[in-house]
Amino acid sequence: MKTVILRSIPVLGWLYLAAGVVAAATDSAPRNRLLRAAWWLDLFLSVVVHAAQIPAALRAAKGSGRSAVETAVLTQIFGMTWWATQEVTR
């Protein structure tokens, strides 16, 4: 249960990013600076920080039977909440 809750955080972040893109496309983006700053911070964390975690995730997934592509994609989506909670089968 704890893992599901942890993984919901990045999913909510991706949903917030998508909502921001839709709002900008329909000229209804919020004028509130805090909401806009939160969107840019979320973008940085979701794209840059998750991507930076991929090398560590690949090392952690070695011997797990998962492909490098699967590991990279799931790490990009869920970040550390995905690869750090995986049980390694050796």
PDB file of N, CA and C in Angstrom:
ATOM      1  N   MET A   1       0.826  -1.195   0.000  1.00  0.00           N
ATOM      2  CA  MET A   1       0.000   0.000   0.000  1.00  0.00           C
ATOM      3  C   MET A   1       0.871   1.259   0.000  1.00  0.00           C
ATOM      4  N   LYS A   2       1.942   1.255   0.789  1.00  0.00           N
ATOM      5  CA  LYS A   2       2.819   2.417   0.860  1.00  0.00           C
ATOM      6  C   LYS A   2       3.437   2.719  -0.508  1.00  0.00           C
ATOM      7  N   THR A   3       3.805   1.676  -1.246  1.00  0.00           N
ATOM      8  CA  THR A   3       4.399   1.861  -2.567  1.00  0.00           C
ATOM      9  C   THR A   3       3.404   2.518  -3.522  1.00  0.00           C
ATOM     10  N   VAL A   4       2.156   2.118  -3.461  1.00  0.00           N
ATOM     11  CA  VAL A   4       1.125   2.702  -4.325  1.00  0.00           C
ATOM     12  C   VAL A   4       0.965   4.191  -4.013  1.00  0.00           C
ATOM     13  N   ILE A   5       0.970   4.536  -2.756  1.00  0.00           N
ATOM     14  CA  ILE A   5       0.845   5.942  -2.358  1.00  0.00           C
ATOM     15  C   ILE A   5       2.052   6.734  -2.849  1.00  0.00           C
ATOM     16  N   LEU A   6       3.254   6.170  -2.684  1.00  0.00           N
ATOM     17  CA  LEU A   6       4.462   6.856  -3.149  1.00  0.00           C
ATOM     18  C   LEU A   6       4.436   7.059  -4.660  1.00  0.00           C
ATOM     19  N   ARG A   7       3.996   6.061  -5.390  1.00  0.00           N
ATOM     20  CA  ARG A   7       3.970   6.160  -6.853  1.00  0.00           C
ATOM     21  C   ARG A   7       2.870   7.085  -7.350  1.00  0.00           C
ATOM     22  N   SER A   8       1.876   7.347  -6.530  1.00  0.00           N
ATOM     23  CA  SER A   8       0.815   8.265  -6.957  1.00  0.00           C
ATOM     24  C   SER A   8       1.327   9.705  -7.020  1.00  0.00           C
ATOM     25  N   ILE A   9       2.374  10.032  -6.276  1.00  0.00           N
ATOM     26  CA  ILE A   9       2.900  11.394  -6.265  1.00  0.00           C
ATOM     27  C   ILE A   9       3.415  11.795  -7.653  1.00  0.00           C
ATOM     28  N   PRO A  10       4.303  11.007  -8.300  1.00  0.00           N
ATOM     29  CA  PRO A  10       4.725  11.411  -9.637  1.00  0.00           C
ATOM     30  C   PRO A  10       3.593  11.374 -10.662  1.00  0.00           C
ATOM     31  N   VAL A  11       2.638  10.475 -10.493  1.00  0.00           N
ATOM     32  CA  VAL A  11       1.505  10.425 -11.420  1.00  0.00           C
ATOM     33  C   VAL A  11       0.692  11.718 -11.303  1.00  0.00           C
ATOM     34  N   LEU A  12       0.476  12.178 -10.082  1.00  0.00           N
ATOM     35  CA  LEU A  12      -0.227  13.449  -9.887  1.00  0.00           C
ATOM     36  C   LEU A  12       0.563  14.608 -10.497  1.00  0.00           C
ATOM     37  N   GLY A  13       1.888  14.532 -10.396  1.00  0.00           N
ATOM     38  CA  GLY A  13       2.729  15.554 -11.019  1.00  0.00           C
ATOM     39  C   GLY A  13       2.569  15.587 -12.525  1.00  0.00           C
ATOM     40  N   TRP A  14       2.561  14.409 -13.159  1.00  0.00           N
ATOM     41  CA  TRP A  14       2.363  14.355 -14.611  1.00  0.00           C
ATOM     42  C   TRP A  14       0.984  14.874 -14.988  1.00  0.00           C
ATOM     43  N   LEU A  15      -0.030  14.569 -14.188  1.00  0.00           N
ATOM     44  CA  LEU A  15      -1.377  15.071 -14.456  1.00  0.00           C
ATOM     45  C   LEU A  15      -1.430  16.594 -14.341  1.00  0.00           C
ATOM     46  N   TYR A  16      -0.710  17.151 -13.359  1.00  0.00           N
ATOM     47  CA  TYR A  16      -0.649  18.603 -13.198  1.00  0.00           C
ATOM     48  C   TYR A  16       0.024  19.240 -14.409  1.00  0.00           C
ATOM     49  N   LEU A  17       1.076  18.602 -14.919  1.00  0.00           N
ATOM     50  CA  LEU A  17       1.733  19.112 -16.121  1.00  0.00           C
ATOM     51  C   LEU A  17       0.784  19.084 -17.316  1.00  0.00           C
ATOM     52  N   ALA A  18       0.069  17.994 -17.473  1.00  0.00           N
ATOM     53  CA  ALA A  18      -0.882  17.885 -18.590  1.00  0.00           C
ATOM     54  C   ALA A  18      -1.980  18.936 -18.467  1.00  0.00           C
ATOM     55  N   ALA A  19      -2.480  19.141 -17.268  1.00  0.00           N
ATOM     56  CA  ALA A  19      -3.516  20.159 -17.066  1.00  0.00           C
ATOM     57  C   ALA A  19      -2.981  21.547 -17.397  1.00  0.00           C
ATOM     58  N   GLY A  20      -1.724  21.801 -17.072  1.00  0.00           N
ATOM     59  CA  GLY A  20      -1.121  23.086 -17.399  1.00  0.00           C
ATOM     60  C   GLY A  20      -0.984  23.301 -18.892  1.00  0.00           C
ATOM     61  N   VAL A  21      -0.633  22.244 -19.613  1.00  0.00           N
ATOM     62  CA  VAL A  21      -0.525  22.345 -21.072  1.00  0.00           C
ATOM     63  C   VAL A  21      -1.899  22.622 -21.684  1.00  0.00           C
ATOM     64  N   VAL A  22      -2.907  21.914 -21.208  1.00  0.00           N
ATOM     65  CA  VAL A  22      -4.270  22.127 -21.710  1.00  0.00           C
ATOM     66  C   VAL A  22      -4.730  23.545 -21.382  1.00  0.00           C
ATOM     67  N   ALA A  23      -4.468  23.998 -20.164  1.00  0.00           N
ATOM     68  CA  ALA A  23      -4.877  25.349 -19.767  1.00  0.00           C
ATOM     69  C   ALA A  23      -4.186  26.402 -20.628  1.00  0.00           C
ATOM     70  N   ALA A  24      -2.910  26.219 -20.907  1.00  0.00           N
ATOM     71  CA  ALA A  24      -2.179  27.172 -21.747  1.00  0.00           C
ATOM     72  C   ALA A  24      -2.702  27.154 -23.177  1.00  0.00           C
ATOM     73  N   ALA A  25      -3.044  25.978 -23.665  1.00  0.00           N
ATOM     74  CA  ALA A  25      -3.537  25.860 -25.041  1.00  0.00           C
ATOM     75  C   ALA A  25      -4.909  26.497 -25.218  1.00  0.00           C
ATOM     76  N   THR A  26      -5.669  26.570 -24.150  1.00  0.00           N
ATOM     77  CA  THR A  26      -7.018  27.147 -24.227  1.00  0.00           C
ATOM     78  C   THR A  26      -7.062  28.565 -23.652  1.00  0.00           C
ATOM     79  N   ASP A  27      -5.911  29.168 -23.493  1.00  0.00           N
ATOM     80  CA  ASP A  27      -5.798  30.531 -22.942  1.00  0.00           C
ATOM     81  C   ASP A  27      -6.470  30.692 -21.583  1.00  0.00           C
ATOM     82  N   SER A  28      -6.405  29.655 -20.767  1.00  0.00           N
ATOM     83  CA  SER A  28      -6.977  29.753 -19.422  1.00  0.00           C
ATOM     84  C   SER A  28      -5.945  29.402 -18.355  1.00  0.00           C
ATOM     85  N   ALA A  29      -4.674  29.664 -18.659  1.00  0.00           N
ATOM     86  CA  ALA A  29      -3.611  29.399 -17.683  1.00  0.00           C
ATOM     87  C   ALA A  29      -3.798  30.316 -16.476  1.00  0.00           C
ATOM     88  N   PRO A  30      -3.531  29.801 -15.289  1.00  0.00           N
ATOM     89  CA  PRO A  30      -3.718  30.631 -14.100  1.00  0.00           C
ATOM     90  C   PRO A  30      -2.735  31.803 -14.073  1.00  0.00           C
ATOM     91  N   ARG A  31      -3.185  32.914 -13.534  1.00  0.00           N
ATOM     92  CA  ARG A  31      -2.309  34.084 -13.404  1.00  0.00           C
ATOM     93  C   ARG A  31      -1.532  34.055 -12.100  1.00  0.00           C
ATOM     94  N   ASN A  32      -1.910  33.175 -11.213  1.00  0.00           N
ATOM     95  CA  ASN A  32      -1.261  33.064  -9.914  1.00  0.00           C
ATOM     96  C   ASN A  32       0.193  32.622 -10.091  1.00  0.00           C
ATOM     97  N   ARG A  33       1.112  33.431  -9.583  1.00  0.00           N
ATOM     98  CA  ARG A  33       2.545  33.135  -9.740  1.00  0.00           C
ATOM     99  C   ARG A  33       2.944  31.829  -9.056  1.00  0.00           C
ATOM    100  N   LEU A  34       2.341  31.543  -7.918  1.00  0.00           N
ATOM    101  CA  LEU A  34       2.680  30.328  -7.178  1.00  0.00           C
ATOM    102  C   LEU A  34       2.302  29.085  -7.987  1.00  0.00           C
ATOM    103  N   LEU A  35       1.125  29.088  -8.595  1.00  0.00           N
ATOM    104  CA  LEU A  35       0.701  27.941  -9.411  1.00  0.00           C
ATOM    105  C   LEU A  35       1.600  27.779 -10.636  1.00  0.00           C
ATOM    106  N   ARG A  36       1.993  28.899 -11.237  1.00  0.00           N
ATOM    107  CA  ARG A  36       2.875  28.839 -12.402  1.00  0.00           C
ATOM    108  C   ARG A  36       4.268  28.346 -12.002  1.00  0.00           C
ATOM    109  N   ALA A  37       4.762  28.826 -10.877  1.00  0.00           N
ATOM    110  CA  ALA A  37       6.076  28.384 -10.388  1.00  0.00           C
ATOM    111  C   ALA A  37       6.043  26.894 -10.046  1.00  0.00           C
ATOM    112  N   ALA A  38       4.937  26.452  -9.447  1.00  0.00           N
ATOM    113  CA  ALA A  38       4.792  25.028  -9.119  1.00  0.00           C
ATOM    114  C   ALA A  38       4.805  24.178 -10.387  1.00  0.00           C
ATOM    115  N   TRP A  39       4.187  24.686 -11.468  1.00  0.00           N
ATOM    116  CA  TRP A  39       4.169  23.947 -12.728  1.00  0.00           C
ATOM    117  C   TRP A  39       5.584  23.814 -13.275  1.00  0.00           C
ATOM    118  N   TRP A  40       6.361  24.905 -13.280  1.00  0.00           N
ATOM    119  CA  TRP A  40       7.732  24.850 -13.793  1.00  0.00           C
ATOM    120  C   TRP A  40       8.619  23.961 -12.923  1.00  0.00           C
ATOM    121  N   LEU A  41       8.431  24.007 -11.619  1.00  0.00           N
ATOM    122  CA  LEU A  41       9.189  23.128 -10.724  1.00  0.00           C
ATOM    123  C   LEU A  41       8.829  21.669 -10.988  1.00  0.00           C
ATOM    124  N   ASP A  42       7.553  21.399 -11.149  1.00  0.00           N
ATOM    125  CA  ASP A  42       7.098  20.043 -11.456  1.00  0.00           C
ATOM    126  C   ASP A  42       7.684  19.561 -12.778  1.00  0.00           C
ATOM    127  N   LEU A  43       7.719  20.441 -13.774  1.00  0.00           N
ATOM    128  CA  LEU A  43       8.307  20.078 -15.063  1.00  0.00           C
ATOM    129  C   LEU A  43       9.772  19.700 -14.899  1.00  0.00           C
ATOM    130  N   PHE A  44      10.521  20.490 -14.158  1.00  0.00           N
ATOM    131  CA  PHE A  44      11.934  20.205 -13.925  1.00  0.00           C
ATOM    132  C   PHE A  44      12.118  18.869 -13.207  1.00  0.00           C
ATOM    133  N   LEU A  45      11.352  18.665 -12.142  1.00  0.00           N
ATOM    134  CA  LEU A  45      11.481  17.422 -11.378  1.00  0.00           C
ATOM    135  C   LEU A  45      11.066  16.210 -12.202  1.00  0.00           C
ATOM    136  N   SER A  46       9.971  16.330 -12.932  1.00  0.00           N
ATOM    137  CA  SER A  46       9.455  15.193 -13.689  1.00  0.00           C
ATOM    138  C   SER A  46      10.324  14.833 -14.885  1.00  0.00           C
ATOM    139  N   VAL A  47      10.907  15.815 -15.536  1.00  0.00           N
ATOM    140  CA  VAL A  47      11.692  15.536 -16.736  1.00  0.00           C
ATOM    141  C   VAL A  47      13.171  15.388 -16.411  1.00  0.00           C
ATOM    142  N   VAL A  48      13.764  16.404 -15.829  1.00  0.00           N
ATOM    143  CA  VAL A  48      15.216  16.413 -15.620  1.00  0.00           C
ATOM    144  C   VAL A  48      15.643  15.463 -14.497  1.00  0.00           C
ATOM    145  N   VAL A  49      15.001  15.571 -13.350  1.00  0.00           N
ATOM    146  CA  VAL A  49      15.425  14.756 -12.207  1.00  0.00           C
ATOM    147  C   VAL A  49      15.123  13.279 -12.434  1.00  0.00           C
ATOM    148  N   HIS A  50      13.961  12.965 -12.988  1.00  0.00           N
ATOM    149  CA  HIS A  50      13.667  11.559 -13.276  1.00  0.00           C
ATOM    150  C   HIS A  50      14.661  11.005 -14.301  1.00  0.00           C
ATOM    151  N   ALA A  51      14.984  11.781 -15.324  1.00  0.00           N
ATOM    152  CA  ALA A  51      15.954  11.323 -16.325  1.00  0.00           C
ATOM    153  C   ALA A  51      17.331  11.118 -15.696  1.00  0.00           C
ATOM    154  N   ALA A  52      17.690  11.961 -14.763  1.00  0.00           N
ATOM    155  CA  ALA A  52      18.988  11.831 -14.095  1.00  0.00           C
ATOM    156  C   ALA A  52      19.065  10.563 -13.233  1.00  0.00           C
ATOM    157  N   GLN A  53      17.932  10.021 -12.862  1.00  0.00           N
ATOM    158  CA  GLN A  53      17.888   8.806 -12.045  1.00  0.00           C
ATOM    159  C   GLN A  53      18.023   7.527 -12.867  1.00  0.00           C
ATOM    160  N   ILE A  54      17.924   7.626 -14.176  1.00  0.00           N
ATOM    161  CA  ILE A  54      17.949   6.436 -15.024  1.00  0.00           C
ATOM    162  C   ILE A  54      19.240   5.628 -14.874  1.00  0.00           C
ATOM    163  N   PRO A  55      20.434   6.223 -14.866  1.00  0.00           N
ATOM    164  CA  PRO A  55      21.637   5.404 -14.686  1.00  0.00           C
ATOM    165  C   PRO A  55      21.628   4.600 -13.381  1.00  0.00           C
ATOM    166  N   ALA A  56      21.184   5.208 -12.286  1.00  0.00           N
ATOM    167  CA  ALA A  56      21.097   4.485 -11.014  1.00  0.00           C
ATOM    168  C   ALA A  56      20.056   3.378 -11.103  1.00  0.00           C
ATOM    169  N   ALA A  57      18.960   3.641 -11.787  1.00  0.00           N
ATOM    170  CA  ALA A  57      17.914   2.630 -11.941  1.00  0.00           C
ATOM    171  C   ALA A  57      18.413   1.446 -12.756  1.00  0.00           C
ATOM    172  N   LEU A  58      19.189   1.722 -13.799  1.00  0.00           N
ATOM    173  CA  LEU A  58      19.735   0.637 -14.623  1.00  0.00           C
ATOM    174  C   LEU A  58      20.686  -0.231 -13.806  1.00  0.00           C
ATOM    175  N   ARG A  59      21.494   0.402 -12.970  1.00  0.00           N
ATOM    176  CA  ARG A  59      22.390  -0.378 -12.094  1.00  0.00           C
ATOM    177  C   ARG A  59      21.585  -1.213 -11.104  1.00  0.00           C
ATOM    178  N   ALA A  60      20.546  -0.619 -10.538  1.00  0.00           N
ATOM    179  CA  ALA A  60      19.713  -1.327  -9.561  1.00  0.00           C
ATOM    180  C   ALA A  60      18.927  -2.469 -10.191  1.00  0.00           C
ATOM    181  N   ALA A  61      18.586  -2.332 -11.461  1.00  0.00           N
ATOM    182  CA  ALA A  61      17.770  -3.347 -12.140  1.00  0.00           C
ATOM    183  C   ALA A  61      18.600  -4.476 -12.735  1.00  0.00           C
ATOM    184  N   LYS A  62      19.921  -4.353 -12.680  1.00  0.00           N
ATOM    185  CA  LYS A  62      20.771  -5.412 -13.239  1.00  0.00           C
ATOM    186  C   LYS A  62      20.448  -6.741 -12.571  1.00  0.00           C
ATOM    187  N   GLY A  63      20.225  -7.749 -13.372  1.00  0.00           N
ATOM    188  CA  GLY A  63      19.920  -9.075 -12.842  1.00  0.00           C
ATOM    189  C   GLY A  63      18.463  -9.269 -12.469  1.00  0.00           C
ATOM    190  N   SER A  64      17.624  -8.273 -12.737  1.00  0.00           N
ATOM    191  CA  SER A  64      16.214  -8.389 -12.363  1.00  0.00           C
ATOM    192  C   SER A  64      15.373  -9.023 -13.465  1.00  0.00           C
ATOM    193  N   GLY A  65      15.949  -9.131 -14.664  1.00  0.00           N
ATOM    194  CA  GLY A  65      15.204  -9.679 -15.780  1.00  0.00           C
ATOM    195  C   GLY A  65      14.403  -8.633 -16.538  1.00  0.00           C
ATOM    196  N   ARG A  66      14.471  -7.397 -16.102  1.00  0.00           N
ATOM    197  CA  ARG A  66      13.773  -6.314 -16.805  1.00  0.00           C
ATOM    198  C   ARG A  66      14.691  -5.716 -17.852  1.00  0.00           C
ATOM    199  N   SER A  67      14.120  -5.311 -18.963  1.00  0.00           N
ATOM    200  CA  SER A  67      14.932  -4.708 -20.014  1.00  0.00           C
ATOM    201  C   SER A  67      15.340  -3.297 -19.592  1.00  0.00           C
ATOM    202  N   ALA A  68      16.407  -2.816 -20.227  1.00  0.00           N
ATOM    203  CA  ALA A  68      16.877  -1.460 -19.947  1.00  0.00           C
ATOM    204  C   ALA A  68      15.831  -0.434 -20.361  1.00  0.00           C
ATOM    205  N   VAL A  69      15.134  -0.697 -21.456  1.00  0.00           N
ATOM    206  CA  VAL A  69      14.102   0.232 -21.931  1.00  0.00           C
ATOM    207  C   VAL A  69      12.951   0.306 -20.929  1.00  0.00           C
ATOM    208  N   GLU A  70      12.492  -0.844 -20.463  1.00  0.00           N
ATOM    209  CA  GLU A  70      11.408  -0.868 -19.474  1.00  0.00           C
ATOM    210  C   GLU A  70      11.825  -0.122 -18.210  1.00  0.00           C
ATOM    211  N   THR A  71      13.034  -0.373 -17.755  1.00  0.00           N
ATOM    212  CA  THR A  71      13.540   0.301 -16.564  1.00  0.00           C
ATOM    213  C   THR A  71      13.608   1.806 -16.779  1.00  0.00           C
ATOM    214  N   ALA A  72      14.108   2.233 -17.926  1.00  0.00           N
ATOM    215  CA  ALA A  72      14.233   3.666 -18.209  1.00  0.00           C
ATOM    216  C   ALA A  72      12.859   4.333 -18.292  1.00  0.00           C
ATOM    217  N   VAL A  73      11.917   3.704 -18.979  1.00  0.00           N
ATOM    218  CA  VAL A  73      10.580   4.301 -19.136  1.00  0.00           C
ATOM    219  C   VAL A  73       9.867   4.404 -17.793  1.00  0.00           C
ATOM    220  N   LEU A  74       9.896   3.335 -17.015  1.00  0.00           N
ATOM    221  CA  LEU A  74       9.214   3.369 -15.721  1.00  0.00           C
ATOM    222  C   LEU A  74       9.887   4.340 -14.756  1.00  0.00           C
ATOM    223  N   THR A  75      11.210   4.482 -14.857  1.00  0.00           N
ATOM    224  CA  THR A  75      11.905   5.459 -14.026  1.00  0.00           C
ATOM    225  C   THR A  75      11.544   6.873 -14.462  1.00  0.00           C
ATOM    226  N   GLN A  76      11.416   7.104 -15.758  1.00  0.00           N
ATOM    227  CA  GLN A  76      11.027   8.435 -16.233  1.00  0.00           C
ATOM    228  C   GLN A  76       9.624   8.786 -15.750  1.00  0.00           C
ATOM    229  N   ILE A  77       8.740   7.814 -15.686  1.00  0.00           N
ATOM    230  CA  ILE A  77       7.371   8.074 -15.237  1.00  0.00           C
ATOM    231  C   ILE A  77       7.292   8.208 -13.720  1.00  0.00           C
ATOM    232  N   PHE A  78       7.869   7.242 -13.010  1.00  0.00           N
ATOM    233  CA  PHE A  78       7.708   7.182 -11.553  1.00  0.00           C
ATOM    234  C   PHE A  78       8.915   7.652 -10.759  1.00  0.00           C
ATOM    235  N   GLY A  79      10.047   7.841 -11.416  1.00  0.00           N
ATOM    236  CA  GLY A  79      11.250   8.265 -10.701  1.00  0.00           C
ATOM    237  C   GLY A  79      11.723   7.208  -9.721  1.00  0.00           C
ATOM    238  N   MET A  80      12.308   7.668  -8.654  1.00  0.00           N
ATOM    239  CA  MET A  80      12.872   6.777  -7.648  1.00  0.00           C
ATOM    240  C   MET A  80      11.809   5.889  -6.995  1.00  0.00           C
ATOM    241  N   THR A  81      10.566   6.348  -7.005  1.00  0.00           N
ATOM    242  CA  THR A  81       9.520   5.549  -6.370  1.00  0.00           C
ATOM    243  C   THR A  81       9.284   4.240  -7.116  1.00  0.00           C
ATOM    244  N   TRP A  82       9.792   4.135  -8.355  1.00  0.00           N
ATOM    245  CA  TRP A  82       9.668   2.866  -9.042  1.00  0.00           C
ATOM    246  C   TRP A  82      10.891   1.995  -8.789  1.00  0.00           C
ATOM    247  N   TRP A  83      12.078   2.476  -9.151  1.00  0.00           N
ATOM    248  CA  TRP A  83      13.228   1.586  -9.111  1.00  0.00           C
ATOM    249  C   TRP A  83      13.720   1.287  -7.701  1.00  0.00           C
ATOM    250  N   ALA A  84      13.517   2.175  -6.764  1.00  0.00           N
ATOM    251  CA  ALA A  84      13.996   1.919  -5.405  1.00  0.00           C
ATOM    252  C   ALA A  84      13.097   0.942  -4.650  1.00  0.00           C
ATOM    253  N   THR A  85      11.891   0.707  -5.144  1.00  0.00           N
ATOM    254  CA  THR A  85      10.981  -0.200  -4.454  1.00  0.00           C
ATOM    255  C   THR A  85      10.918  -1.581  -5.100  1.00  0.00           C
ATOM    256  N   GLN A  86      11.739  -1.805  -6.129  1.00  0.00           N
ATOM    257  CA  GLN A  86      11.744  -3.095  -6.807  1.00  0.00           C
ATOM    258  C   GLN A  86      12.575  -4.102  -6.019  1.00  0.00           C
ATOM    259  N   GLU A  87      12.077  -5.320  -5.963  1.00  0.00           N
ATOM    260  CA  GLU A  87      12.839  -6.393  -5.342  1.00  0.00           C
ATOM    261  C   GLU A  87      13.692  -7.043  -6.406  1.00  0.00           C
ATOM    262  N   VAL A  88      14.967  -7.162  -6.133  1.00  0.00           N
ATOM    263  CA  VAL A  88      15.885  -7.764  -7.086  1.00  0.00           C
ATOM    264  C   VAL A  88      15.838  -9.282  -6.920  1.00  0.00           C
ATOM    265  N   THR A  89      15.599  -9.982  -8.027  1.00  0.00           N
ATOM    266  CA  THR A  89      15.595 -11.438  -8.012  1.00  0.00           C
ATOM    267  C   THR A  89      16.900 -11.914  -8.626  1.00  0.00           C
ATOM    268  N   ARG A  90      17.655 -12.611  -7.874  1.00  0.00           N
ATOM    269  CA  ARG A  90      18.957 -13.106  -8.349  1.00  0.00           C
ATOM    270  C   ARG A  90      19.016 -14.598  -8.226  1.00  0.00           C
TER     271      ARG A  90
END
